[in-house]
Each structure stands twice: as structure tokens, then as C-alpha cells.
Amino acid sequence: MLGGQDYEIYERRELIGLNKGEVLDARIVRWDDESWVFTGAFLYHPVEARKAVLKEAKRRKKQQPDVSALHFAWELARLALKMERYRNVAVEHIYKFD
């Protein structure tokens, strides 16, 4: 999202419940000289948060071209945990970046 790199991921498992365009935090590692694979750790963000997350990523890239992807990933992880803890609160009230 921030780095602008594309990766071709080799995945032998079917990722159930994941659709194109959804936002997730996943770790990838080098499998061999030519391919990358997912580790077992995935962090999914609500579909309703996609627009806000993409807007914030775009804002950060524009504001600071060498923005830290790691810092943004940690912030998104914090928001996902908050979403998990406060299930009765609407997504748009949790995924706020102002």
C-alpha cells in the first residue's frame, strides 16, 4: 500500500473468506530464489474500513514520500484490536485517522 511493490505470492492453501481488494496485514518470506510465501499470521481489517485505510495511506504517501510502512502497519494492527474489543462500535468510529 505504501511501498508500491508487487509480489507474486505462492500459496497452496485456499484463503477462505478473502476477496480481491480486501485489506489484510500478512507477512511474506522468501521461499526460494524465485518465490514468496505467506507466513501463518494474518490480520484482517473490516471491509467497511477499506476506504478510510486507502485514503490514509494515500495521504501519508503524499505528505511524506518516505513514510514508514511499519509504523502504519502497527497503527492498523492497533485499530483492528480495538475493533475486536469494541464490537458494538461502528467501524467508521474506530478507523479514524484525524
Protein backbone atom coordinates (compact mmCIF):
# COMPACT_ATOMS: atom_id res chain seq x y z
CA MET A 1 0.00 0.00 0.00
CA LEU A 2 2.79 2.41 0.88
CA GLY A 3 5.80 0.78 -0.74
CA GLY A 4 4.31 0.36 -4.17
CA GLN A 5 5.90 -3.05 -4.68
CA ASP A 6 4.09 -6.01 -6.21
CA TYR A 7 4.83 -9.55 -5.10
CA GLU A 8 3.87 -12.82 -6.74
CA ILE A 9 2.89 -15.00 -3.78
CA TYR A 10 2.89 -18.78 -3.99
CA GLU A 11 0.03 -20.08 -1.85
CA ARG A 12 -1.02 -23.72 -1.90
CA ARG A 13 -3.80 -23.20 0.65
CA GLU A 14 -7.08 -21.63 -0.36
CA LEU A 15 -7.59 -18.45 1.63
CA ILE A 16 -11.24 -18.79 2.57
CA GLY A 17 -13.13 -15.57 3.12
CA LEU A 18 -10.58 -13.36 1.40
CA ASN A 19 -11.67 -11.44 -1.65
CA LYS A 20 -9.74 -9.24 -4.04
CA GLY A 21 -9.41 -5.69 -2.74
CA GLU A 22 -9.75 -6.51 0.95
CA VAL A 23 -7.21 -5.09 3.37
CA LEU A 24 -5.12 -7.51 5.36
CA ASP A 25 -1.80 -7.48 7.12
CA ALA A 26 0.24 -10.53 6.22
CA ARG A 27 3.89 -11.40 6.48
CA ILE A 28 5.66 -12.80 3.47
CA VAL A 29 9.00 -14.56 3.40
CA ARG A 30 11.31 -15.69 0.64
CA TRP A 31 10.67 -19.37 -0.15
CA ASP A 32 13.42 -19.87 -2.69
CA ASP A 33 15.25 -17.68 -5.19
CA GLU A 34 12.10 -17.02 -7.19
CA SER A 35 9.04 -17.12 -4.96
CA TRP A 36 7.48 -15.66 -1.84
CA VAL A 37 5.04 -17.34 0.59
CA PHE A 38 2.73 -16.14 3.36
CA THR A 39 3.57 -16.96 6.95
CA GLY A 40 0.70 -18.29 9.05
CA ALA A 41 -0.11 -14.92 10.62
CA PHE A 42 -2.88 -12.84 9.04
CA LEU A 43 -4.63 -9.76 10.37
CA TYR A 44 -7.85 -8.91 8.57
CA HIS A 45 -9.44 -5.48 8.57
CA PRO A 46 -13.20 -4.95 8.14
CA VAL A 47 -14.41 -4.40 4.59
CA GLU A 48 -16.03 -1.16 5.76
CA ALA A 49 -12.59 0.19 6.76
CA ARG A 50 -11.07 -0.21 3.28
CA LYS A 51 -11.91 3.27 2.01
CA ALA A 52 -10.57 5.00 5.14
CA VAL A 53 -7.37 2.91 5.15
CA LEU A 54 -6.61 3.57 1.48
CA LYS A 55 -7.35 7.28 1.89
CA GLU A 56 -4.98 7.49 4.85
CA ALA A 57 -2.24 5.58 3.01
CA LYS A 58 -2.54 7.97 0.08
CA ARG A 59 -2.45 10.99 2.40
CA ARG A 60 0.68 9.73 4.17
CA LYS A 61 2.49 8.99 0.90
CA LYS A 62 1.67 12.45 -0.42
CA GLN A 63 2.64 14.17 2.82
CA GLN A 64 5.89 12.26 3.27
CA PRO A 65 7.13 10.12 0.33
CA ASP A 66 9.45 8.03 2.55
CA VAL A 67 6.71 7.31 5.11
CA SER A 68 7.25 4.30 7.39
CA ALA A 69 5.15 1.34 6.28
CA LEU A 70 5.97 -0.40 9.56
CA HIS A 71 4.55 2.47 11.62
CA PHE A 72 1.35 2.45 9.54
CA ALA A 73 1.05 -1.36 9.89
CA TRP A 74 1.36 -1.08 13.68
CA GLU A 75 -1.32 1.61 13.74
CA LEU A 76 -3.65 -0.55 11.65
CA ALA A 77 -2.99 -3.52 13.97
CA ARG A 78 -3.92 -1.34 16.94
CA LEU A 79 -7.17 -0.33 15.23
CA ALA A 80 -8.00 -3.95 14.37
CA LEU A 81 -7.51 -4.92 18.02
CA LYS A 82 -9.71 -2.03 19.09
CA MET A 83 -12.35 -3.21 16.60
CA GLU A 84 -12.18 -6.69 18.11
CA ARG A 85 -12.55 -5.36 21.66
CA TYR A 86 -15.38 -2.92 20.92
CA ARG A 87 -17.63 -4.93 18.63
CA ASN A 88 -20.60 -2.71 19.45
CA VAL A 89 -18.88 0.40 17.99
CA ALA A 90 -19.24 1.17 14.27
CA VAL A 91 -16.16 0.63 12.10
CA GLU A 92 -16.10 4.24 10.92
CA HIS A 93 -15.75 5.42 14.51
CA ILE A 94 -12.71 3.22 15.12
CA TYR A 95 -10.85 3.55 11.82
CA LYS A 96 -10.45 7.33 12.14
CA PHE A 97 -7.10 8.88 11.32
CA ASP A 98 -7.69 12.55 12.20
